[in-house]
Protein backbone atom coordinates (compact mmCIF):
# COMPACT_ATOMS: atom_id res chain seq x y z
CA MET A 1 1.69 15.07 3.75
CA GLN A 2 4.48 13.26 4.67
CA LEU A 3 6.59 10.61 2.36
CA SER A 4 7.17 7.04 2.91
CA LEU A 5 9.28 4.37 1.08
CA CYS A 6 8.10 1.65 0.39
CA ASN A 7 10.88 -0.79 2.40
CA GLU A 8 11.12 -3.85 -0.25
CA VAL A 9 12.68 -1.23 -2.60
CA ILE A 10 16.13 -1.47 -0.33
CA ARG A 11 15.35 -4.74 1.30
CA GLU A 12 18.87 -5.87 0.95
CA LEU A 13 19.78 -3.78 3.42
CA PRO A 14 18.86 -4.94 7.57
CA PHE A 15 15.91 -3.01 8.82
CA ASP A 16 18.24 -0.56 10.81
CA ARG A 17 20.14 0.16 7.61
CA GLN A 18 16.82 0.70 6.08
CA CYS A 19 15.30 3.10 8.45
CA ALA A 20 18.95 5.12 8.74
CA LEU A 21 19.09 5.42 4.92
CA ALA A 22 15.27 6.40 4.56
CA ALA A 23 15.69 9.16 7.55
CA GLY A 24 18.89 10.42 5.57
CA LEU A 25 16.98 10.78 2.62
CA GLY A 26 14.43 12.76 4.23
CA TYR A 27 11.53 10.46 4.17
CA SER A 28 9.40 10.36 7.26
CA GLY A 29 8.39 6.82 7.21
CA LEU A 30 8.61 3.42 5.87
CA GLU A 31 5.81 1.38 4.31
CA VAL A 32 6.48 -2.27 5.34
CA ALA A 33 6.17 -5.22 3.04
CA PRO A 34 5.88 -7.95 5.59
CA PHE A 35 7.67 -10.43 3.06
CA THR A 36 10.84 -8.84 3.46
CA PHE A 37 11.05 -10.14 6.99
CA GLY A 38 10.52 -13.37 5.85
CA ASP A 39 7.58 -15.78 5.01
CA GLU A 40 6.38 -15.59 8.16
CA GLY A 41 7.27 -11.67 8.67
CA TRP A 42 3.45 -11.35 9.29
CA ARG A 43 3.42 -13.03 13.16
CA MET A 44 6.94 -11.60 13.45
CA PRO A 45 7.94 -12.35 17.33
CA PRO A 46 7.39 -10.12 20.00
CA ALA A 47 10.89 -9.43 20.35
CA LYS A 48 11.45 -8.60 16.61
CA ARG A 49 8.83 -6.45 16.74
CA ALA A 50 10.33 -4.41 19.49
CA GLU A 51 13.70 -4.11 17.49
CA VAL A 52 11.77 -2.81 14.37
CA ARG A 53 10.03 -0.20 16.53
CA ARG A 54 13.36 0.42 18.03
CA ALA A 55 14.94 1.07 14.75
CA CYS A 56 12.45 3.46 13.32
CA SER A 57 12.59 5.33 17.03
CA ASP A 58 16.39 5.60 16.75
CA ALA A 59 16.13 6.92 13.11
CA GLY A 60 13.39 9.23 13.71
CA LEU A 61 10.68 7.65 11.58
CA GLN A 62 7.74 5.79 11.60
CA VAL A 63 6.24 2.82 9.98
CA SER A 64 3.67 4.50 7.72
CA GLY A 65 1.64 1.13 7.06
CA LEU A 66 1.95 -2.21 5.38
CA HIS A 67 1.52 -3.77 1.73
CA TRP A 68 1.95 -6.65 -0.09
CA LEU A 69 -0.05 -8.36 2.48
CA LEU A 70 -0.32 -12.10 0.69
CA ALA A 71 3.25 -12.23 -1.06
CA ALA A 72 4.40 -14.92 1.24
CA PRO A 73 3.89 -17.64 2.51
CA ALA A 74 3.36 -18.84 -0.77
CA GLY A 75 0.07 -20.50 -2.04
CA LEU A 76 -2.28 -17.99 -0.48
CA SER A 77 -5.49 -16.51 -2.07
CA ILE A 78 -8.58 -15.11 -1.21
CA THR A 79 -10.97 -16.50 -3.60
CA THR A 80 -9.75 -19.97 -3.93
CA ALA A 81 -12.62 -22.73 -2.99
CA ASP A 82 -10.15 -24.77 -0.91
CA ARG A 83 -11.58 -23.37 2.35
CA THR A 84 -8.12 -24.14 4.00
CA VAL A 85 -6.10 -22.27 2.17
CA TRP A 86 -8.59 -19.49 2.05
CA GLN A 87 -8.77 -19.78 5.95
CA SER A 88 -5.00 -19.26 6.07
CA SER A 89 -5.43 -16.25 3.70
CA VAL A 90 -7.65 -14.70 6.01
CA ASP A 91 -5.33 -15.42 9.23
CA VAL A 92 -2.42 -14.08 7.24
CA LEU A 93 -4.39 -10.69 6.61
CA ARG A 94 -5.76 -10.79 10.35
CA GLY A 95 -1.94 -11.37 11.49
CA SER A 96 -0.93 -8.41 9.55
CA ILE A 97 -3.63 -6.23 10.99
CA GLU A 98 -2.38 -6.77 14.63
CA LEU A 99 1.49 -6.37 13.15
CA CYS A 100 0.67 -3.02 11.58
CA ALA A 101 -0.99 -1.82 14.46
CA GLU A 102 1.59 -2.79 17.05
CA LEU A 103 4.24 -1.48 14.55
CA GLY A 104 2.58 2.02 15.01
CA GLY A 105 1.16 1.93 11.14
CA ALA A 106 -1.97 3.74 10.24
CA TYR A 107 -3.23 1.72 7.22
CA LEU A 108 -2.77 -1.52 4.92
CA VAL A 109 -3.03 -1.69 1.25
CA HIS A 110 -4.36 -4.96 -0.21
CA GLY A 111 -2.77 -5.62 -3.77
CA SER A 112 -1.40 -8.56 -3.99
CA PRO A 113 -2.99 -9.63 -7.47
CA ALA A 114 -2.03 -13.11 -7.60
CA GLN A 115 -3.97 -14.06 -4.09
CA ARG A 116 -7.29 -12.60 -5.58
CA ARG A 117 -7.41 -13.87 -9.38
CA VAL A 118 -11.07 -14.87 -10.04
CA SER A 119 -12.64 -17.33 -12.61
CA ASP A 120 -16.38 -17.16 -11.44
CA PRO A 121 -18.57 -15.00 -9.30
CA ALA A 122 -18.11 -17.35 -6.24
CA ASP A 123 -14.39 -16.50 -6.32
CA ALA A 124 -15.14 -12.82 -6.17
CA ARG A 125 -17.71 -13.33 -3.10
CA ARG A 126 -15.03 -15.01 -1.30
CA ALA A 127 -12.85 -12.32 -1.84
CA GLU A 128 -15.42 -9.79 -0.10
CA GLU A 129 -16.16 -12.10 2.47
CA ALA A 130 -12.65 -12.01 3.40
CA TRP A 131 -12.56 -7.89 3.17
CA ALA A 132 -15.05 -7.70 5.56
CA LEU A 133 -13.34 -10.03 7.96
CA ALA A 134 -10.31 -7.94 7.40
CA ALA A 135 -12.28 -4.78 7.83
CA GLU A 136 -13.75 -5.96 11.07
CA ALA A 137 -10.17 -6.66 12.28
CA ALA A 138 -9.17 -3.37 11.19
CA GLN A 139 -11.79 -1.37 13.24
CA LYS A 140 -10.81 -3.10 16.26
CA ALA A 141 -7.09 -2.66 15.73
CA GLY A 142 -7.64 1.32 14.94
CA VAL A 143 -6.17 1.17 11.46
CA VAL A 144 -7.53 1.77 8.27
CA TYR A 145 -7.85 -1.18 5.45
CA CYS A 146 -7.34 -0.04 1.83
CA LEU A 147 -8.44 -2.10 -0.97
CA GLU A 148 -5.91 -1.25 -3.85
CA ALA A 149 -7.79 -1.24 -7.69
CA LEU A 150 -5.26 -2.78 -9.50
CA ALA A 151 -4.36 -2.70 -13.45
CA LYS A 152 -5.23 -5.48 -16.04
CA PRO A 153 -3.50 -8.25 -16.93
CA ASP A 154 -1.79 -8.63 -13.79
CA CYS A 155 -5.08 -8.55 -11.76
CA ASN A 156 -8.52 -9.39 -12.78
CA LEU A 157 -10.78 -8.40 -9.81
CA VAL A 158 -11.14 -4.97 -8.96
CA ASN A 159 -9.65 -2.55 -11.56
CA THR A 160 -10.94 0.73 -11.07
CA LEU A 161 -11.53 2.88 -8.80
CA ALA A 162 -15.34 2.99 -9.07
CA GLU A 163 -15.03 -0.97 -8.72
CA ALA A 164 -13.22 -0.30 -5.38
CA VAL A 165 -15.61 1.99 -3.77
CA ALA A 166 -18.72 -0.42 -5.06
CA VAL A 167 -17.26 -2.91 -3.03
CA VAL A 168 -16.35 -0.21 0.14
CA LYS A 169 -19.81 0.82 0.09
CA ARG A 170 -20.80 -2.81 0.40
CA ILE A 171 -18.76 -3.96 3.12
CA GLY A 172 -20.00 -0.60 4.59
CA ASN A 173 -17.52 -0.40 7.52
CA PRO A 174 -15.49 2.61 7.92
CA ALA A 175 -12.32 0.98 8.48
CA PHE A 176 -12.39 -0.33 5.12
CA ARG A 177 -11.75 2.37 2.46
CA THR A 178 -9.82 2.58 -0.65
CA MET A 179 -6.86 4.23 -2.32
CA ILE A 180 -5.34 5.51 -5.62
CA ASP A 181 -1.97 3.49 -7.06
CA THR A 182 -1.05 5.82 -9.52
CA LEU A 183 0.70 3.50 -11.92
CA ALA A 184 -2.97 1.53 -12.12
CA ALA A 185 -4.76 4.92 -12.08
CA SER A 186 -3.05 5.92 -15.14
CA LEU A 187 -3.86 2.72 -16.89
CA MET A 188 -7.29 2.13 -15.67
CA GLU A 189 -9.07 5.18 -15.02
CA PRO A 190 -10.82 7.17 -17.97
CA GLU A 191 -9.50 10.58 -17.11
CA PRO A 192 -6.17 12.06 -15.86
CA VAL A 193 -4.88 10.67 -12.26
CA ALA A 194 -5.39 14.49 -10.89
CA ASP A 195 -9.03 13.99 -11.94
CA ALA A 196 -9.35 10.64 -10.31
CA ILE A 197 -7.94 12.11 -7.14
CA HIS A 198 -10.97 14.67 -6.98
CA ARG A 199 -13.62 12.50 -8.02
CA LEU A 200 -12.06 9.81 -5.36
CA MET A 201 -11.60 12.14 -2.33
CA ALA A 202 -15.26 13.82 -3.35
CA THR A 203 -16.47 10.15 -2.11
CA GLY A 204 -14.64 10.20 1.56
CA PHE A 205 -13.02 6.81 0.66
CA MET A 206 -10.01 7.72 -0.31
CA ALA A 207 -7.18 7.03 2.54
CA HIS A 208 -3.83 6.42 1.14
CA ILE A 209 -2.11 6.80 -2.35
CA GLN A 210 1.06 5.20 -3.53
CA LEU A 211 3.39 7.01 -6.27
CA ASN A 212 4.62 5.24 -9.07
CA ASP A 213 5.32 5.98 -13.02
CA ARG A 214 3.46 3.76 -15.73
CA ASN A 215 6.94 2.31 -16.63
CA LYS A 216 6.93 0.67 -13.38
CA ARG A 217 9.74 3.11 -11.91
CA GLY A 218 9.64 5.98 -9.41
CA PRO A 219 7.76 9.36 -9.51
CA GLY A 220 10.14 11.41 -11.47
CA GLN A 221 11.93 8.55 -13.48
CA GLY A 222 9.64 8.50 -16.58
CA ALA A 223 7.16 10.45 -18.54
CA ASP A 224 4.29 10.74 -16.28
CA LYS A 225 3.59 14.02 -14.76
CA PHE A 226 3.26 14.24 -10.96
CA ALA A 227 3.03 18.00 -10.24
CA PRO A 228 -1.09 17.57 -11.02
CA VAL A 229 -0.94 14.88 -8.69
CA VAL A 230 0.51 16.70 -5.78
CA ARG A 231 -1.48 19.61 -6.83
CA ALA A 232 -5.12 17.74 -6.53
CA LEU A 233 -4.03 16.29 -3.10
CA ARG A 234 -3.33 19.42 -1.74
CA GLU A 235 -6.67 20.92 -3.10
CA THR A 236 -8.67 18.35 -1.92
CA GLY A 237 -7.25 18.52 1.61
CA TYR A 238 -5.48 15.04 1.98
CA ASP A 239 -3.20 15.21 5.01
CA GLY A 240 -2.11 11.36 4.86
CA TRP A 241 1.26 9.62 3.83
CA ILE A 242 2.26 9.50 0.02
CA ALA A 243 4.09 6.45 -0.28
CA MET A 244 6.81 5.79 -3.03
CA GLU A 245 6.29 2.24 -4.40
CA PRO A 246 8.39 1.42 -7.66
CA PHE A 247 9.13 -1.83 -9.28
CA VAL A 248 12.01 -1.09 -11.09
CA TYR A 249 14.99 0.06 -9.31
CA GLU A 250 17.31 1.91 -11.72
CA PRO A 251 20.32 1.87 -11.17
CA ASP A 252 19.65 0.53 -7.81
CA GLY A 253 17.10 0.58 -4.67
CA ALA A 254 19.01 3.24 -2.73
CA THR A 255 19.72 5.99 -5.66
CA CYS A 256 16.03 5.19 -6.77
CA ALA A 257 15.05 6.27 -3.31
CA ALA A 258 17.08 9.10 -3.15
CA ARG A 259 16.05 10.13 -6.77
CA MET A 260 12.26 9.86 -6.12
CA ILE A 261 12.41 11.89 -3.12
CA GLY A 262 14.24 14.64 -4.33
CA TYR A 263 11.28 14.89 -7.25
CA VAL A 264 8.08 14.77 -4.72
CA THR A 265 9.54 17.03 -1.99
CA GLY A 266 10.44 19.58 -4.91
CA LEU A 267 6.78 19.16 -6.05
CA LEU A 268 5.29 19.73 -2.73
CA GLU A 269 7.70 22.79 -1.85
CA GLN A 270 6.05 24.99 -4.96
CA PRO A 271 3.50 27.16 -4.25
């Protein structure tokens, strides 16, 4: 298991300094949010992609994957009846998949709650159509596309791991899987997160995990206990990336990044 930092935590820094800071703290990767490169980050030009790869290489880390896929540009939706907007959103997903593969990433996480809101069953069908196309693109690119179950009230489509697995089964593409966000799982699942990990890993559909406390801060910065989570990952043979994804950075992003890795590394070092 390797640790990755979601790069928006330190997005005020130039990317090369993000890499240097993350590597200096002991992270092995950055999970990149394309919006941190601007509204057109998902279709980053070749020279910029080379610059990103070089910054990672110089720091000795990797782009582990991508997340926050539809945060920019504004107005995207995979559930809208407006076919032009829907197609633009699918184009962003496809571009993000290609970007992830070219940057050396292994996975993409589809959260983006505001861009998947539904008001009727037709909206949900349009979302699954978009996800099926994303799955095809991911399979061709050699990456895994992860559907993230998100908590209510921020999201009203796919709130539980069971719902995510049902979508994964309907799409039926090995490049389309799900993952665990510990904040959402702690709020939406019927059992402790560690038990949810055991249950989901048994399905074979879990491809990634993001750690965050239900108070929206990083692991170790709230009341949630992560030792059972790390133990469950170890017991189930998980060997992928562990990404740190807080939403509240106290007292600032760099300090938050340091505290998170110190806490989680300590758990990983326990027998």
